[in-house]
Amino acid sequence: RTTRQRKRLAHLHPPAEADDALPRKSPASPP
């Protein structure tokens, strides 16, 4: 559940093009 784990997984598995459909903010904005 941690942000640290999320960052680790994102580094190991970069998001694919299809991830643009996710309901999230742009990378420039803080969580």
PDB file of all heavy atoms in Angstrom:
ATOM      1  N   ARG A   1       0.805  -1.224   0.000  1.00  0.00           N
ATOM      2  CA  ARG A   1       0.000   0.000   0.000  1.00  0.00           C
ATOM      3  C   ARG A   1       0.836   1.272   0.000  1.00  0.00           C
ATOM      4  O   ARG A   1       0.296   2.358  -0.066  1.00  0.00           O
ATOM      5  CB  ARG A   1      -0.907   0.027   1.234  1.00  0.00           C
ATOM      6  CG  ARG A   1      -1.924  -1.060   1.266  1.00  0.00           C
ATOM      7  CD  ARG A   1      -2.795  -0.898   2.479  1.00  0.00           C
ATOM      8  NE  ARG A   1      -3.933  -0.104   2.105  1.00  0.00           N
ATOM      9  CZ  ARG A   1      -5.194  -0.491   2.215  1.00  0.00           C
ATOM     10  NH1 ARG A   1      -5.477  -1.663   2.706  1.00  0.00           N
ATOM     11  NH2 ARG A   1      -6.165   0.292   1.839  1.00  0.00           N
ATOM     12  N   THR A   2       2.129   1.157   0.070  1.00  0.00           N
ATOM     13  CA  THR A   2       2.967   2.338   0.258  1.00  0.00           C
ATOM     14  C   THR A   2       3.372   2.997  -1.059  1.00  0.00           C
ATOM     15  O   THR A   2       3.481   2.349  -2.095  1.00  0.00           O
ATOM     16  CB  THR A   2       4.256   1.966   1.023  1.00  0.00           C
ATOM     17  OG1 THR A   2       5.023   1.059   0.227  1.00  0.00           O
ATOM     18  CG2 THR A   2       3.932   1.334   2.364  1.00  0.00           C
ATOM     19  N   THR A   3       3.624   4.290  -0.981  1.00  0.00           N
ATOM     20  CA  THR A   3       4.116   5.037  -2.134  1.00  0.00           C
ATOM     21  C   THR A   3       5.490   4.516  -2.545  1.00  0.00           C
ATOM     22  O   THR A   3       5.790   4.409  -3.734  1.00  0.00           O
ATOM     23  CB  THR A   3       4.189   6.539  -1.798  1.00  0.00           C
ATOM     24  OG1 THR A   3       2.885   6.972  -1.408  1.00  0.00           O
ATOM     25  CG2 THR A   3       4.657   7.362  -2.979  1.00  0.00           C
ATOM     26  N   ARG A   4       6.302   4.161  -1.564  1.00  0.00           N
ATOM     27  CA  ARG A   4       7.639   3.633  -1.862  1.00  0.00           C
ATOM     28  C   ARG A   4       7.553   2.374  -2.718  1.00  0.00           C
ATOM     29  O   ARG A   4       8.288   2.215  -3.686  1.00  0.00           O
ATOM     30  CB  ARG A   4       8.363   3.347  -0.549  1.00  0.00           C
ATOM     31  CG  ARG A   4       9.750   2.819  -0.739  1.00  0.00           C
ATOM     32  CD  ARG A   4      10.404   2.592   0.624  1.00  0.00           C
ATOM     33  NE  ARG A   4      11.745   2.103   0.424  1.00  0.00           N
ATOM     34  CZ  ARG A   4      12.524   1.752   1.411  1.00  0.00           C
ATOM     35  NH1 ARG A   4      12.122   1.865   2.654  1.00  0.00           N
ATOM     36  NH2 ARG A   4      13.732   1.300   1.172  1.00  0.00           N
ATOM     37  N   GLN A   5       6.664   1.465  -2.369  1.00  0.00           N
ATOM     38  CA  GLN A   5       6.491   0.237  -3.147  1.00  0.00           C
ATOM     39  C   GLN A   5       5.972   0.568  -4.550  1.00  0.00           C
ATOM     40  O   GLN A   5       6.404  -0.018  -5.532  1.00  0.00           O
ATOM     41  CB  GLN A   5       5.526  -0.718  -2.436  1.00  0.00           C
ATOM     42  CG  GLN A   5       5.269  -2.000  -3.175  1.00  0.00           C
ATOM     43  CD  GLN A   5       6.476  -2.930  -3.203  1.00  0.00           C
ATOM     44  OE1 GLN A   5       7.522  -2.647  -2.638  1.00  0.00           O
ATOM     45  NE2 GLN A   5       6.340  -4.039  -3.884  1.00  0.00           N
ATOM     46  N   ARG A   6       5.047   1.522  -4.643  1.00  0.00           N
ATOM     47  CA  ARG A   6       4.509   1.929  -5.941  1.00  0.00           C
ATOM     48  C   ARG A   6       5.630   2.449  -6.836  1.00  0.00           C
ATOM     49  O   ARG A   6       5.720   2.107  -8.003  1.00  0.00           O
ATOM     50  CB  ARG A   6       3.437   3.003  -5.734  1.00  0.00           C
ATOM     51  CG  ARG A   6       2.914   3.658  -6.977  1.00  0.00           C
ATOM     52  CD  ARG A   6       2.225   2.671  -7.928  1.00  0.00           C
ATOM     53  NE  ARG A   6       1.107   2.022  -7.321  1.00  0.00           N
ATOM     54  CZ  ARG A   6      -0.151   2.463  -7.347  1.00  0.00           C
ATOM     55  NH1 ARG A   6      -0.431   3.553  -7.992  1.00  0.00           N
ATOM     56  NH2 ARG A   6      -1.091   1.802  -6.761  1.00  0.00           N
ATOM     57  N   LYS A   7       6.514   3.277  -6.279  1.00  0.00           N
ATOM     58  CA  LYS A   7       7.633   3.819  -7.055  1.00  0.00           C
ATOM     59  C   LYS A   7       8.580   2.705  -7.493  1.00  0.00           C
ATOM     60  O   LYS A   7       9.088   2.710  -8.608  1.00  0.00           O
ATOM     61  CB  LYS A   7       8.389   4.877  -6.245  1.00  0.00           C
ATOM     62  CG  LYS A   7       7.622   6.168  -6.107  1.00  0.00           C
ATOM     63  CD  LYS A   7       8.384   7.169  -5.261  1.00  0.00           C
ATOM     64  CE  LYS A   7       7.585   8.434  -5.082  1.00  0.00           C
ATOM     65  NZ  LYS A   7       8.257   9.375  -4.175  1.00  0.00           N
ATOM     66  N   ARG A   8       8.816   1.750  -6.603  1.00  0.00           N
ATOM     67  CA  ARG A   8       9.696   0.630  -6.948  1.00  0.00           C
ATOM     68  C   ARG A   8       9.118  -0.174  -8.096  1.00  0.00           C
ATOM     69  O   ARG A   8       9.807  -0.511  -9.051  1.00  0.00           O
ATOM     70  CB  ARG A   8       9.906  -0.269  -5.731  1.00  0.00           C
ATOM     71  CG  ARG A   8      10.938  -1.373  -5.959  1.00  0.00           C
ATOM     72  CD  ARG A   8      11.033  -2.290  -4.765  1.00  0.00           C
ATOM     73  NE  ARG A   8       9.955  -3.239  -4.716  1.00  0.00           N
ATOM     74  CZ  ARG A   8       9.877  -4.332  -5.490  1.00  0.00           C
ATOM     75  NH1 ARG A   8      10.785  -4.592  -6.370  1.00  0.00           N
ATOM     76  NH2 ARG A   8       8.864  -5.154  -5.372  1.00  0.00           N
ATOM     77  N   LEU A   9       7.837  -0.455  -8.035  1.00  0.00           N
ATOM     78  CA  LEU A   9       7.189  -1.224  -9.096  1.00  0.00           C
ATOM     79  C   LEU A   9       7.131  -0.438 -10.401  1.00  0.00           C
ATOM     80  O   LEU A   9       7.292  -0.995 -11.479  1.00  0.00           O
ATOM     81  CB  LEU A   9       5.787  -1.654  -8.668  1.00  0.00           C
ATOM     82  CG  LEU A   9       5.737  -2.698  -7.562  1.00  0.00           C
ATOM     83  CD1 LEU A   9       4.306  -2.925  -7.120  1.00  0.00           C
ATOM     84  CD2 LEU A   9       6.373  -4.003  -8.016  1.00  0.00           C
ATOM     85  N   ALA A  10       6.901   0.862 -10.309  1.00  0.00           N
ATOM     86  CA  ALA A  10       6.861   1.689 -11.521  1.00  0.00           C
ATOM     87  C   ALA A  10       8.220   1.701 -12.200  1.00  0.00           C
ATOM     88  O   ALA A  10       8.318   1.715 -13.428  1.00  0.00           O
ATOM     89  CB  ALA A  10       6.420   3.102 -11.178  1.00  0.00           C
ATOM     90  N   HIS A  11       9.270   1.681 -11.406  1.00  0.00           N
ATOM     91  CA  HIS A  11      10.621   1.661 -11.969  1.00  0.00           C
ATOM     92  C   HIS A  11      10.885   0.327 -12.676  1.00  0.00           C
ATOM     93  O   HIS A  11      11.499   0.280 -13.736  1.00  0.00           O
ATOM     94  CB  HIS A  11      11.651   1.893 -10.858  1.00  0.00           C
ATOM     95  CG  HIS A  11      13.068   1.745 -11.310  1.00  0.00           C
ATOM     96  ND1 HIS A  11      13.676   2.670 -12.126  1.00  0.00           N
ATOM     97  CD2 HIS A  11      13.988   0.773 -11.081  1.00  0.00           C
ATOM     98  CE1 HIS A  11      14.913   2.271 -12.372  1.00  0.00           C
ATOM     99  NE2 HIS A  11      15.122   1.135 -11.742  1.00  0.00           N
ATOM    100  N   LEU A  12      10.433  -0.770 -12.080  1.00  0.00           N
ATOM    101  CA  LEU A  12      10.641  -2.096 -12.669  1.00  0.00           C
ATOM    102  C   LEU A  12       9.765  -2.336 -13.889  1.00  0.00           C
ATOM    103  O   LEU A  12      10.159  -3.040 -14.805  1.00  0.00           O
ATOM    104  CB  LEU A  12      10.360  -3.189 -11.623  1.00  0.00           C
ATOM    105  CG  LEU A  12      11.324  -3.243 -10.443  1.00  0.00           C
ATOM    106  CD1 LEU A  12      10.844  -4.281  -9.440  1.00  0.00           C
ATOM    107  CD2 LEU A  12      12.734  -3.577 -10.923  1.00  0.00           C
ATOM    108  N   HIS A  13       8.550  -1.782 -13.860  1.00  0.00           N
ATOM    109  CA  HIS A  13       7.585  -1.993 -14.942  1.00  0.00           C
ATOM    110  C   HIS A  13       7.033  -0.651 -15.395  1.00  0.00           C
ATOM    111  O   HIS A  13       5.959  -0.247 -14.947  1.00  0.00           O
ATOM    112  CB  HIS A  13       6.435  -2.888 -14.462  1.00  0.00           C
ATOM    113  CG  HIS A  13       6.909  -4.193 -13.896  1.00  0.00           C
ATOM    114  ND1 HIS A  13       7.360  -5.211 -14.677  1.00  0.00           N
ATOM    115  CD2 HIS A  13       7.021  -4.620 -12.613  1.00  0.00           C
ATOM    116  CE1 HIS A  13       7.726  -6.228 -13.910  1.00  0.00           C
ATOM    117  NE2 HIS A  13       7.533  -5.895 -12.659  1.00  0.00           N
ATOM    118  N   PRO A  14       7.726   0.054 -16.284  1.00  0.00           N
ATOM    119  CA  PRO A  14       7.216   1.352 -16.744  1.00  0.00           C
ATOM    120  C   PRO A  14       5.837   1.209 -17.368  1.00  0.00           C
ATOM    121  O   PRO A  14       5.548   0.186 -17.992  1.00  0.00           O
ATOM    122  CB  PRO A  14       8.245   1.801 -17.789  1.00  0.00           C
ATOM    123  CG  PRO A  14       9.416   0.900 -17.625  1.00  0.00           C
ATOM    124  CD  PRO A  14       8.965  -0.333 -16.918  1.00  0.00           C
ATOM    125  N   PRO A  15       4.969   2.195 -17.179  1.00  0.00           N
ATOM    126  CA  PRO A  15       3.609   2.102 -17.706  1.00  0.00           C
ATOM    127  C   PRO A  15       3.598   2.038 -19.238  1.00  0.00           C
ATOM    128  O   PRO A  15       4.417   2.663 -19.899  1.00  0.00           O
ATOM    129  CB  PRO A  15       2.922   3.368 -17.210  1.00  0.00           C
ATOM    130  CG  PRO A  15       4.016   4.282 -16.810  1.00  0.00           C
ATOM    131  CD  PRO A  15       5.221   3.441 -16.496  1.00  0.00           C
ATOM    132  N   ALA A  16       2.658   1.274 -19.757  1.00  0.00           N
ATOM    133  CA  ALA A  16       2.490   1.152 -21.206  1.00  0.00           C
ATOM    134  C   ALA A  16       1.662   2.324 -21.716  1.00  0.00           C
ATOM    135  O   ALA A  16       1.089   3.088 -20.949  1.00  0.00           O
ATOM    136  CB  ALA A  16       1.804  -0.171 -21.530  1.00  0.00           C
ATOM    137  N   GLU A  17       1.554   2.451 -23.013  1.00  0.00           N
ATOM    138  CA  GLU A  17       0.760   3.518 -23.630  1.00  0.00           C
ATOM    139  C   GLU A  17      -0.686   3.485 -23.145  1.00  0.00           C
ATOM    140  O   GLU A  17      -1.319   4.507 -23.000  1.00  0.00           O
ATOM    141  CB  GLU A  17       0.787   3.394 -25.152  1.00  0.00           C
ATOM    142  CG  GLU A  17       2.173   3.556 -25.755  1.00  0.00           C
ATOM    143  CD  GLU A  17       2.702   4.958 -25.596  1.00  0.00           C
ATOM    144  OE1 GLU A  17       1.899   5.908 -25.630  1.00  0.00           O
ATOM    145  OE2 GLU A  17       3.928   5.104 -25.432  1.00  0.00           O
ATOM    146  N   ALA A  18      -1.215   2.294 -22.877  1.00  0.00           N
ATOM    147  CA  ALA A  18      -2.622   2.152 -22.473  1.00  0.00           C
ATOM    148  C   ALA A  18      -2.891   2.798 -21.122  1.00  0.00           C
ATOM    149  O   ALA A  18      -4.024   3.099 -20.797  1.00  0.00           O
ATOM    150  CB  ALA A  18      -3.007   0.673 -22.427  1.00  0.00           C
ATOM    151  N   ASP A  19      -1.852   3.033 -20.310  1.00  0.00           N
ATOM    152  CA  ASP A  19      -2.050   3.627 -18.992  1.00  0.00           C
ATOM    153  C   ASP A  19      -2.549   5.062 -19.066  1.00  0.00           C
ATOM    154  O   ASP A  19      -2.968   5.628 -18.072  1.00  0.00           O
ATOM    155  CB  ASP A  19      -0.764   3.583 -18.172  1.00  0.00           C
ATOM    156  CG  ASP A  19      -0.524   2.212 -17.580  1.00  0.00           C
ATOM    157  OD1 ASP A  19      -1.371   1.320 -17.736  1.00  0.00           O
ATOM    158  OD2 ASP A  19       0.524   2.049 -16.950  1.00  0.00           O
ATOM    159  N   ASP A  20      -2.510   5.673 -20.245  1.00  0.00           N
ATOM    160  CA  ASP A  20      -3.030   7.029 -20.385  1.00  0.00           C
ATOM    161  C   ASP A  20      -4.516   7.098 -20.075  1.00  0.00           C
ATOM    162  O   ASP A  20      -5.046   8.158 -19.768  1.00  0.00           O
ATOM    163  CB  ASP A  20      -2.784   7.559 -21.806  1.00  0.00           C
ATOM    164  CG  ASP A  20      -1.298   7.761 -22.057  1.00  0.00           C
ATOM    165  OD1 ASP A  20      -0.536   7.867 -21.072  1.00  0.00           O
ATOM    166  OD2 ASP A  20      -0.902   7.805 -23.235  1.00  0.00           O
ATOM    167  N   ALA A  21      -5.225   5.968 -20.132  1.00  0.00           N
ATOM    168  CA  ALA A  21      -6.663   5.943 -19.868  1.00  0.00           C
ATOM    169  C   ALA A  21      -6.979   5.966 -18.379  1.00  0.00           C
ATOM    170  O   ALA A  21      -8.126   6.128 -18.000  1.00  0.00           O
ATOM    171  CB  ALA A  21      -7.273   4.682 -20.490  1.00  0.00           C
ATOM    172  N   LEU A  22      -5.964   5.825 -17.523  1.00  0.00           N
ATOM    173  CA  LEU A  22      -6.212   5.786 -16.090  1.00  0.00           C
ATOM    174  C   LEU A  22      -6.661   7.135 -15.552  1.00  0.00           C
ATOM    175  O   LEU A  22      -6.186   8.169 -15.996  1.00  0.00           O
ATOM    176  CB  LEU A  22      -4.944   5.382 -15.337  1.00  0.00           C
ATOM    177  CG  LEU A  22      -4.545   3.931 -15.457  1.00  0.00           C
ATOM    178  CD1 LEU A  22      -3.235   3.715 -14.710  1.00  0.00           C
ATOM    179  CD2 LEU A  22      -5.604   3.032 -14.902  1.00  0.00           C
ATOM    180  N   PRO A  23      -7.579   7.133 -14.569  1.00  0.00           N
ATOM    181  CA  PRO A  23      -8.017   8.387 -13.956  1.00  0.00           C
ATOM    182  C   PRO A  23      -6.990   8.884 -12.957  1.00  0.00           C
ATOM    183  O   PRO A  23      -7.083   8.628 -11.779  1.00  0.00           O
ATOM    184  CB  PRO A  23      -9.334   7.997 -13.274  1.00  0.00           C
ATOM    185  CG  PRO A  23      -9.187   6.551 -12.981  1.00  0.00           C
ATOM    186  CD  PRO A  23      -8.315   5.990 -14.079  1.00  0.00           C
ATOM    187  N   ARG A  24      -5.929   9.551 -13.425  1.00  0.00           N
ATOM    188  CA  ARG A  24      -4.920  10.090 -12.520  1.00  0.00           C
ATOM    189  C   ARG A  24      -4.433  11.425 -13.025  1.00  0.00           C
ATOM    190  O   ARG A  24      -4.712  11.809 -14.138  1.00  0.00           O
ATOM    191  CB  ARG A  24      -3.768   9.124 -12.345  1.00  0.00           C
ATOM    192  CG  ARG A  24      -2.917   8.947 -13.591  1.00  0.00           C
ATOM    193  CD  ARG A  24      -1.696   8.174 -13.216  1.00  0.00           C
ATOM    194  NE  ARG A  24      -1.854   6.816 -13.643  1.00  0.00           N
ATOM    195  CZ  ARG A  24      -0.903   6.130 -14.237  1.00  0.00           C
ATOM    196  NH1 ARG A  24       0.260   6.656 -14.445  1.00  0.00           N
ATOM    197  NH2 ARG A  24      -1.102   4.903 -14.595  1.00  0.00           N
ATOM    198  N   LYS A  25      -3.694  12.101 -12.171  1.00  0.00           N
ATOM    199  CA  LYS A  25      -3.197  13.428 -12.518  1.00  0.00           C
ATOM    200  C   LYS A  25      -1.972  13.312 -13.416  1.00  0.00           C
ATOM    201  O   LYS A  25      -1.349  12.268 -13.509  1.00  0.00           O
ATOM    202  CB  LYS A  25      -2.837  14.183 -11.256  1.00  0.00           C
ATOM    203  CG  LYS A  25      -4.029  14.508 -10.417  1.00  0.00           C
ATOM    204  CD  LYS A  25      -3.607  15.324  -9.238  1.00  0.00           C
ATOM    205  CE  LYS A  25      -4.837  15.747  -8.462  1.00  0.00           C
ATOM    206  NZ  LYS A  25      -4.501  16.637  -7.397  1.00  0.00           N
ATOM    207  N   SER A  26      -1.603  14.417 -14.011  1.00  0.00           N
ATOM    208  CA  SER A  26      -0.403  14.441 -14.839  1.00  0.00           C
ATOM    209  C   SER A  26       0.819  14.290 -13.949  1.00  0.00           C
ATOM    210  O   SER A  26       0.788  14.624 -12.770  1.00  0.00           O
ATOM    211  CB  SER A  26      -0.328  15.750 -15.612  1.00  0.00           C
ATOM    212  OG  SER A  26      -0.119  16.817 -14.714  1.00  0.00           O
ATOM    213  N   PRO A  27       1.937  13.783 -14.501  1.00  0.00           N
ATOM    214  CA  PRO A  27       3.128  13.563 -13.679  1.00  0.00           C
ATOM    215  C   PRO A  27       3.673  14.854 -13.063  1.00  0.00           C
ATOM    216  O   PRO A  27       4.344  14.803 -12.067  1.00  0.00           O
ATOM    217  CB  PRO A  27       4.146  12.983 -14.674  1.00  0.00           C
ATOM    218  CG  PRO A  27       3.338  12.497 -15.822  1.00  0.00           C
ATOM    219  CD  PRO A  27       2.084  13.309 -15.852  1.00  0.00           C
ATOM    220  N   ALA A  28       3.375  16.000 -13.647  1.00  0.00           N
ATOM    221  CA  ALA A  28       3.896  17.261 -13.120  1.00  0.00           C
ATOM    222  C   ALA A  28       3.202  17.694 -11.840  1.00  0.00           C
ATOM    223  O   ALA A  28       3.755  18.444 -11.060  1.00  0.00           O
ATOM    224  CB  ALA A  28       3.751  18.357 -14.169  1.00  0.00           C
ATOM    225  N   SER A  29       1.978  17.233 -11.601  1.00  0.00           N
ATOM    226  CA  SER A  29       1.256  17.657 -10.403  1.00  0.00           C
ATOM    227  C   SER A  29       1.527  16.693  -9.246  1.00  0.00           C
ATOM    228  O   SER A  29       1.668  15.506  -9.448  1.00  0.00           O
ATOM    229  CB  SER A  29      -0.247  17.738 -10.694  1.00  0.00           C
ATOM    230  OG  SER A  29      -0.738  16.470 -11.031  1.00  0.00           O
ATOM    231  N   PRO A  30       1.599  17.209  -8.017  1.00  0.00           N
ATOM    232  CA  PRO A  30       1.845  16.346  -6.870  1.00  0.00           C
ATOM    233  C   PRO A  30       0.641  15.472  -6.577  1.00  0.00           C
ATOM    234  O   PRO A  30      -0.486  15.815  -6.944  1.00  0.00           O
ATOM    235  CB  PRO A  30       2.100  17.340  -5.726  1.00  0.00           C
ATOM    236  CG  PRO A  30       1.373  18.569  -6.147  1.00  0.00           C
ATOM    237  CD  PRO A  30       1.431  18.598  -7.644  1.00  0.00           C
ATOM    238  N   PRO A  31       0.854  14.315  -5.917  1.00  0.00           N
ATOM    239  CA  PRO A  31      -0.282  13.457  -5.574  1.00  0.00           C
ATOM    240  C   PRO A  31      -1.210  14.153  -4.582  1.00  0.00           C
ATOM    241  O   PRO A  31      -0.758  14.964  -3.785  1.00  0.00           O
ATOM    242  CB  PRO A  31       0.367  12.224  -4.951  1.00  0.00           C
ATOM    243  CG  PRO A  31       1.721  12.676  -4.524  1.00  0.00           C
ATOM    244  CD  PRO A  31       2.114  13.806  -5.442  1.00  0.00           C
TER     245      PRO A  31
END
